[in-house]
Amino acid sequence: MPSLNHVVLIGNLTDDPELRYTQNGMARARFSIAVNRRWRDRDGNLQEETTFVPIVVWGQQAENCVNFLSKGSTVAVEGRLRIDTYQTEEGERRKVAEVVARTVQFLDRREAAPEVKEIPPEEGEEEVPF
């Protein structure tokens, strides 16, 4: 039977990414994003719900996230959902969900380039025809 595990989210980082390295030297970054959902209820009132989603990124992309992202940055994350189960010291079973990112796109606008002003040719100068 076919199956699909694909997640696409756009949101804002809730804190700066945290970078760690595995014993093999592989980079791993973790951060969470806040994803907002807005809708109108039956009475027409605007409602909003925020979901905080933990993200894990591996390799060079993890290092890029740490170097170029910070709290509040807007990103698009594409990857898969992973749910781990563990047992606490008290014997309770807990589940933790996170998105393992395949790609992270940085959506913040870069600073605008300085405005370039066109200088008209001096009187008597010829314009280059290209």
N, C-alpha and C. Protein backbone atom coordinates (compact mmCIF):
# COMPACT_ATOMS: atom_id res chain seq x y z
N MET A 1 0.84 -1.17 0.00
CA MET A 1 0.00 0.00 0.00
C MET A 1 0.90 1.24 0.00
N PRO A 2 0.65 2.20 -0.90
CA PRO A 2 1.47 3.42 -0.95
C PRO A 2 1.23 4.29 0.28
N SER A 3 2.26 5.06 0.63
CA SER A 3 2.13 6.01 1.74
C SER A 3 2.91 7.27 1.39
N LEU A 4 2.63 8.32 2.12
CA LEU A 4 3.28 9.61 1.87
C LEU A 4 3.49 10.32 3.19
N ASN A 5 4.68 10.81 3.42
CA ASN A 5 5.00 11.61 4.61
C ASN A 5 5.70 12.85 4.10
N HIS A 6 4.94 13.93 3.88
CA HIS A 6 5.46 15.16 3.29
C HIS A 6 4.85 16.35 4.01
N VAL A 7 5.71 17.24 4.49
CA VAL A 7 5.26 18.41 5.24
C VAL A 7 5.82 19.66 4.58
N VAL A 8 4.99 20.69 4.40
CA VAL A 8 5.43 21.99 3.92
C VAL A 8 4.85 23.03 4.88
N LEU A 9 5.74 23.84 5.47
CA LEU A 9 5.32 24.85 6.44
C LEU A 9 6.01 26.18 6.15
N ILE A 10 5.33 27.27 6.43
CA ILE A 10 5.92 28.60 6.39
C ILE A 10 5.65 29.23 7.75
N GLY A 11 6.70 29.73 8.36
CA GLY A 11 6.54 30.34 9.68
C GLY A 11 7.77 31.14 10.07
N ASN A 12 7.77 31.60 11.32
CA ASN A 12 8.85 32.42 11.85
C ASN A 12 9.56 31.69 12.98
N LEU A 13 10.89 31.80 13.00
CA LEU A 13 11.67 31.17 14.06
C LEU A 13 11.30 31.76 15.41
N THR A 14 11.14 30.90 16.40
CA THR A 14 10.79 31.36 17.74
C THR A 14 12.04 31.68 18.57
N ASP A 15 13.21 31.25 18.09
CA ASP A 15 14.48 31.52 18.76
C ASP A 15 15.59 31.29 17.75
N ASP A 16 16.81 31.64 18.09
CA ASP A 16 17.94 31.39 17.20
C ASP A 16 18.16 29.89 17.06
N PRO A 17 18.60 29.42 15.89
CA PRO A 17 18.88 28.00 15.72
C PRO A 17 20.05 27.57 16.61
N GLU A 18 20.02 26.31 17.02
CA GLU A 18 21.08 25.75 17.86
C GLU A 18 21.82 24.69 17.04
N LEU A 19 23.15 24.83 16.97
CA LEU A 19 23.96 23.93 16.16
C LEU A 19 24.74 22.97 17.06
N ARG A 20 24.72 21.71 16.69
CA ARG A 20 25.53 20.67 17.36
C ARG A 20 26.13 19.79 16.27
N TYR A 21 27.14 19.03 16.66
CA TYR A 21 27.76 18.09 15.73
C TYR A 21 27.69 16.69 16.31
N THR A 22 27.44 15.71 15.45
CA THR A 22 27.44 14.32 15.89
C THR A 22 28.89 13.88 16.10
N GLN A 23 29.08 12.69 16.66
CA GLN A 23 30.44 12.17 16.85
C GLN A 23 31.16 12.00 15.52
N ASN A 24 30.41 11.81 14.45
CA ASN A 24 31.00 11.66 13.12
C ASN A 24 31.26 13.00 12.44
N GLY A 25 30.95 14.11 13.11
CA GLY A 25 31.19 15.43 12.55
C GLY A 25 30.07 15.99 11.71
N MET A 26 28.92 15.35 11.69
CA MET A 26 27.77 15.83 10.91
C MET A 26 27.07 16.95 11.69
N ALA A 27 26.82 18.07 11.00
CA ALA A 27 26.14 19.21 11.63
C ALA A 27 24.65 18.94 11.74
N ARG A 28 24.07 19.36 12.89
CA ARG A 28 22.63 19.25 13.11
C ARG A 28 22.16 20.54 13.78
N ALA A 29 21.18 21.19 13.16
CA ALA A 29 20.60 22.40 13.73
C ALA A 29 19.17 22.11 14.15
N ARG A 30 18.78 22.67 15.27
CA ARG A 30 17.40 22.57 15.75
C ARG A 30 16.87 23.98 15.99
N PHE A 31 15.61 24.16 15.60
CA PHE A 31 14.89 25.40 15.90
C PHE A 31 13.41 25.10 15.80
N SER A 32 12.61 26.01 16.29
CA SER A 32 11.15 25.89 16.18
C SER A 32 10.62 27.06 15.37
N ILE A 33 9.53 26.81 14.66
CA ILE A 33 8.86 27.90 13.96
C ILE A 33 7.42 28.01 14.47
N ALA A 34 6.93 29.23 14.45
CA ALA A 34 5.54 29.50 14.78
C ALA A 34 4.77 29.62 13.48
N VAL A 35 3.72 28.81 13.35
CA VAL A 35 2.88 28.80 12.15
C VAL A 35 1.49 29.27 12.58
N ASN A 36 1.02 30.33 11.96
CA ASN A 36 -0.27 30.92 12.33
C ASN A 36 -1.38 30.46 11.39
N ARG A 37 -2.55 30.30 11.96
CA ARG A 37 -3.75 29.98 11.18
C ARG A 37 -4.82 30.97 11.60
N ARG A 38 -5.44 31.62 10.61
CA ARG A 38 -6.50 32.59 10.89
C ARG A 38 -7.78 32.15 10.20
N TRP A 39 -8.90 32.38 10.87
CA TRP A 39 -10.20 32.06 10.30
C TRP A 39 -11.26 32.91 10.99
N ARG A 40 -12.43 32.93 10.39
CA ARG A 40 -13.57 33.64 11.00
C ARG A 40 -14.51 32.60 11.59
N ASP A 41 -14.97 32.87 12.82
CA ASP A 41 -15.90 31.94 13.45
C ASP A 41 -17.32 32.21 12.94
N ARG A 42 -18.29 31.49 13.47
CA ARG A 42 -19.68 31.62 13.00
C ARG A 42 -20.23 33.03 13.14
N ASP A 43 -19.71 33.77 14.14
CA ASP A 43 -20.18 35.13 14.36
C ASP A 43 -19.42 36.16 13.54
N GLY A 44 -18.47 35.69 12.73
CA GLY A 44 -17.68 36.60 11.90
C GLY A 44 -16.47 37.18 12.58
N ASN A 45 -16.18 36.74 13.80
CA ASN A 45 -15.02 37.25 14.52
C ASN A 45 -13.75 36.56 14.04
N LEU A 46 -12.71 37.34 13.86
CA LEU A 46 -11.43 36.79 13.43
C LEU A 46 -10.78 36.02 14.57
N GLN A 47 -10.42 34.78 14.30
CA GLN A 47 -9.76 33.92 15.28
C GLN A 47 -8.36 33.61 14.78
N GLU A 48 -7.45 33.33 15.71
CA GLU A 48 -6.10 32.98 15.34
C GLU A 48 -5.57 31.89 16.26
N GLU A 49 -4.84 30.98 15.65
CA GLU A 49 -4.24 29.88 16.39
C GLU A 49 -2.78 29.78 15.95
N THR A 50 -1.87 29.66 16.89
CA THR A 50 -0.45 29.51 16.57
C THR A 50 0.01 28.12 16.99
N THR A 51 0.70 27.44 16.08
CA THR A 51 1.27 26.13 16.36
C THR A 51 2.78 26.27 16.31
N PHE A 52 3.45 25.75 17.33
CA PHE A 52 4.91 25.79 17.41
C PHE A 52 5.44 24.43 16.98
N VAL A 53 6.23 24.43 15.91
CA VAL A 53 6.69 23.18 15.30
C VAL A 53 8.21 23.08 15.41
N PRO A 54 8.71 22.02 16.07
CA PRO A 54 10.17 21.82 16.12
C PRO A 54 10.69 21.30 14.78
N ILE A 55 11.85 21.84 14.38
CA ILE A 55 12.47 21.50 13.10
C ILE A 55 13.89 21.02 13.37
N VAL A 56 14.33 20.00 12.64
CA VAL A 56 15.73 19.56 12.68
C VAL A 56 16.26 19.56 11.26
N VAL A 57 17.48 20.09 11.08
CA VAL A 57 18.11 20.21 9.77
C VAL A 57 19.52 19.63 9.88
N TRP A 58 19.96 18.95 8.83
CA TRP A 58 21.25 18.26 8.86
C TRP A 58 22.22 18.81 7.83
N GLY A 59 23.52 18.60 8.06
CA GLY A 59 24.57 18.87 7.10
C GLY A 59 24.85 20.35 6.87
N GLN A 60 25.28 20.66 5.64
CA GLN A 60 25.63 22.03 5.29
C GLN A 60 24.44 22.97 5.46
N GLN A 61 23.25 22.47 5.19
CA GLN A 61 22.05 23.29 5.35
C GLN A 61 21.86 23.70 6.81
N ALA A 62 22.23 22.82 7.75
CA ALA A 62 22.16 23.16 9.18
C ALA A 62 23.09 24.32 9.49
N GLU A 63 24.31 24.26 8.97
CA GLU A 63 25.26 25.35 9.20
C GLU A 63 24.78 26.65 8.58
N ASN A 64 24.17 26.57 7.40
CA ASN A 64 23.62 27.77 6.76
C ASN A 64 22.51 28.37 7.60
N CYS A 65 21.66 27.53 8.16
CA CYS A 65 20.57 28.04 9.00
C CYS A 65 21.12 28.81 10.19
N VAL A 66 22.16 28.27 10.83
CA VAL A 66 22.75 28.93 11.99
C VAL A 66 23.41 30.24 11.58
N ASN A 67 24.04 30.26 10.41
CA ASN A 67 24.75 31.46 9.97
C ASN A 67 23.83 32.57 9.47
N PHE A 68 22.66 32.21 8.93
CA PHE A 68 21.85 33.22 8.26
C PHE A 68 20.47 33.45 8.87
N LEU A 69 20.06 32.63 9.84
CA LEU A 69 18.74 32.79 10.45
C LEU A 69 18.87 33.21 11.90
N SER A 70 17.85 33.89 12.38
CA SER A 70 17.79 34.26 13.79
C SER A 70 16.31 34.35 14.19
N LYS A 71 16.09 34.55 15.47
CA LYS A 71 14.72 34.65 15.98
C LYS A 71 13.93 35.65 15.14
N GLY A 72 12.74 35.23 14.69
CA GLY A 72 11.88 36.09 13.88
C GLY A 72 12.02 35.90 12.39
N SER A 73 13.09 35.24 11.93
CA SER A 73 13.28 35.01 10.49
C SER A 73 12.12 34.19 9.94
N THR A 74 11.71 34.52 8.72
CA THR A 74 10.65 33.77 8.05
C THR A 74 11.28 32.72 7.14
N VAL A 75 10.78 31.49 7.25
CA VAL A 75 11.32 30.38 6.46
C VAL A 75 10.19 29.53 5.91
N ALA A 76 10.50 28.85 4.81
CA ALA A 76 9.64 27.78 4.28
C ALA A 76 10.41 26.49 4.50
N VAL A 77 9.77 25.54 5.15
CA VAL A 77 10.41 24.26 5.47
C VAL A 77 9.66 23.16 4.74
N GLU A 78 10.41 22.30 4.06
CA GLU A 78 9.83 21.15 3.37
C GLU A 78 10.58 19.93 3.87
N GLY A 79 9.82 18.91 4.29
CA GLY A 79 10.47 17.71 4.81
C GLY A 79 9.46 16.64 5.16
N ARG A 80 9.80 15.90 6.23
CA ARG A 80 8.94 14.80 6.65
C ARG A 80 8.70 14.89 8.15
N LEU A 81 7.58 14.34 8.59
CA LEU A 81 7.23 14.32 10.00
C LEU A 81 7.83 13.08 10.64
N ARG A 82 8.48 13.26 11.79
CA ARG A 82 9.02 12.14 12.55
C ARG A 82 8.46 12.21 13.97
N ILE A 83 7.93 11.09 14.45
CA ILE A 83 7.40 11.02 15.81
C ILE A 83 8.18 9.95 16.56
N ASP A 84 8.85 10.37 17.61
CA ASP A 84 9.61 9.45 18.45
C ASP A 84 8.85 9.19 19.73
N THR A 85 8.98 7.98 20.24
CA THR A 85 8.36 7.59 21.51
C THR A 85 9.46 7.25 22.50
N TYR A 86 9.30 7.73 23.73
CA TYR A 86 10.27 7.39 24.76
C TYR A 86 9.55 7.20 26.08
N GLN A 87 10.26 6.66 27.05
CA GLN A 87 9.69 6.39 28.36
C GLN A 87 10.39 7.26 29.40
N THR A 88 9.61 7.95 30.25
CA THR A 88 10.18 8.78 31.30
C THR A 88 10.69 7.91 32.45
N GLU A 89 11.39 8.53 33.38
CA GLU A 89 11.89 7.80 34.55
C GLU A 89 10.74 7.24 35.39
N GLU A 90 9.57 7.90 35.29
CA GLU A 90 8.39 7.44 36.03
C GLU A 90 7.65 6.33 35.29
N GLY A 91 8.14 5.95 34.13
CA GLY A 91 7.52 4.86 33.38
C GLY A 91 6.43 5.31 32.41
N GLU A 92 6.21 6.62 32.25
CA GLU A 92 5.20 7.12 31.32
C GLU A 92 5.75 7.14 29.90
N ARG A 93 4.92 6.74 28.96
CA ARG A 93 5.31 6.81 27.55
C ARG A 93 4.97 8.20 27.01
N ARG A 94 5.91 8.82 26.33
CA ARG A 94 5.72 10.15 25.75
C ARG A 94 6.06 10.11 24.27
N LYS A 95 5.44 11.00 23.53
CA LYS A 95 5.72 11.12 22.10
C LYS A 95 6.20 12.54 21.81
N VAL A 96 7.15 12.63 20.91
CA VAL A 96 7.68 13.91 20.47
C VAL A 96 7.63 13.94 18.95
N ALA A 97 7.03 15.00 18.41
CA ALA A 97 6.94 15.15 16.96
C ALA A 97 7.87 16.28 16.52
N GLU A 98 8.52 16.08 15.37
CA GLU A 98 9.35 17.13 14.79
C GLU A 98 9.36 16.94 13.28
N VAL A 99 9.71 18.00 12.58
CA VAL A 99 9.85 17.93 11.13
C VAL A 99 11.33 17.83 10.81
N VAL A 100 11.69 16.80 10.07
CA VAL A 100 13.06 16.64 9.58
C VAL A 100 13.09 17.32 8.21
N ALA A 101 13.78 18.45 8.15
CA ALA A 101 13.76 19.27 6.94
C ALA A 101 14.64 18.69 5.85
N ARG A 102 14.10 18.68 4.65
CA ARG A 102 14.90 18.37 3.47
C ARG A 102 15.43 19.66 2.89
N THR A 103 14.57 20.71 2.88
CA THR A 103 14.99 22.03 2.43
C THR A 103 14.44 23.09 3.37
N VAL A 104 15.22 24.14 3.55
CA VAL A 104 14.79 25.32 4.30
C VAL A 104 15.08 26.52 3.41
N GLN A 105 14.03 27.23 3.04
CA GLN A 105 14.19 28.42 2.21
C GLN A 105 14.07 29.65 3.10
N PHE A 106 15.03 30.56 2.96
CA PHE A 106 15.03 31.80 3.73
C PHE A 106 14.13 32.79 2.99
N LEU A 107 13.08 33.26 3.64
CA LEU A 107 12.09 34.11 2.96
C LEU A 107 12.19 35.59 3.31
N ASP A 108 13.06 35.95 4.24
CA ASP A 108 13.19 37.36 4.58
C ASP A 108 13.80 38.11 3.41
N ARG A 109 13.36 39.34 3.25
CA ARG A 109 13.90 40.17 2.17
C ARG A 109 15.30 40.63 2.57
N ARG A 110 16.15 40.66 1.61
CA ARG A 110 17.49 41.21 1.83
C ARG A 110 17.37 42.72 1.82
N GLU A 111 18.36 43.39 2.41
CA GLU A 111 18.34 44.85 2.39
C GLU A 111 18.36 45.32 0.94
N ALA A 112 17.61 46.37 0.67
CA ALA A 112 17.52 46.87 -0.69
C ALA A 112 18.87 47.42 -1.13
N ALA A 113 19.18 47.21 -2.40
CA ALA A 113 20.41 47.76 -2.96
C ALA A 113 20.28 49.28 -3.03
N PRO A 114 21.40 49.99 -2.92
CA PRO A 114 21.31 51.45 -3.00
C PRO A 114 20.69 51.88 -4.32
N GLU A 115 19.93 52.94 -4.25
CA GLU A 115 19.26 53.43 -5.45
C GLU A 115 20.29 53.96 -6.43
N VAL A 116 20.17 53.56 -7.68
CA VAL A 116 21.08 54.02 -8.72
C VAL A 116 20.38 55.12 -9.49
N LYS A 117 21.03 56.28 -9.54
CA LYS A 117 20.45 57.40 -10.28
C LYS A 117 21.13 57.51 -11.62
N GLU A 118 20.31 57.72 -12.63
CA GLU A 118 20.82 57.85 -13.97
C GLU A 118 21.33 59.27 -14.14
N ILE A 119 22.54 59.39 -14.65
CA ILE A 119 23.12 60.72 -14.88
C ILE A 119 23.02 61.01 -16.36
N PRO A 120 22.33 62.11 -16.72
CA PRO A 120 22.19 62.42 -18.15
C PRO A 120 23.54 62.82 -18.73
N PRO A 121 23.76 62.57 -20.03
CA PRO A 121 25.03 62.94 -20.65
C PRO A 121 25.21 64.45 -20.65
N GLU A 122 26.48 64.85 -20.52
CA GLU A 122 26.80 66.28 -20.57
C GLU A 122 26.50 66.78 -21.97
N GLU A 123 26.26 68.06 -22.06
CA GLU A 123 25.98 68.65 -23.37
C GLU A 123 27.18 68.44 -24.28
N GLY A 124 26.95 67.97 -25.46
CA GLY A 124 28.01 67.74 -26.42
C GLY A 124 28.54 66.31 -26.38
N GLU A 125 28.25 65.53 -25.31
CA GLU A 125 28.68 64.12 -25.26
C GLU A 125 27.71 63.27 -26.04
N GLU A 126 28.25 62.27 -26.71
CA GLU A 126 27.39 61.36 -27.43
C GLU A 126 27.01 60.20 -26.53
N GLU A 127 25.79 59.74 -26.69
CA GLU A 127 25.37 58.55 -25.95
C GLU A 127 25.85 57.33 -26.71
N VAL A 128 26.30 56.33 -25.99
CA VAL A 128 26.72 55.08 -26.59
C VAL A 128 25.47 54.31 -27.01
N PRO A 129 25.38 53.83 -28.27
CA PRO A 129 24.15 53.23 -28.77
C PRO A 129 23.94 51.75 -28.39
N PHE A 130 24.15 51.35 -27.16
CA PHE A 130 23.85 49.98 -26.76
C PHE A 130 23.31 49.94 -25.37
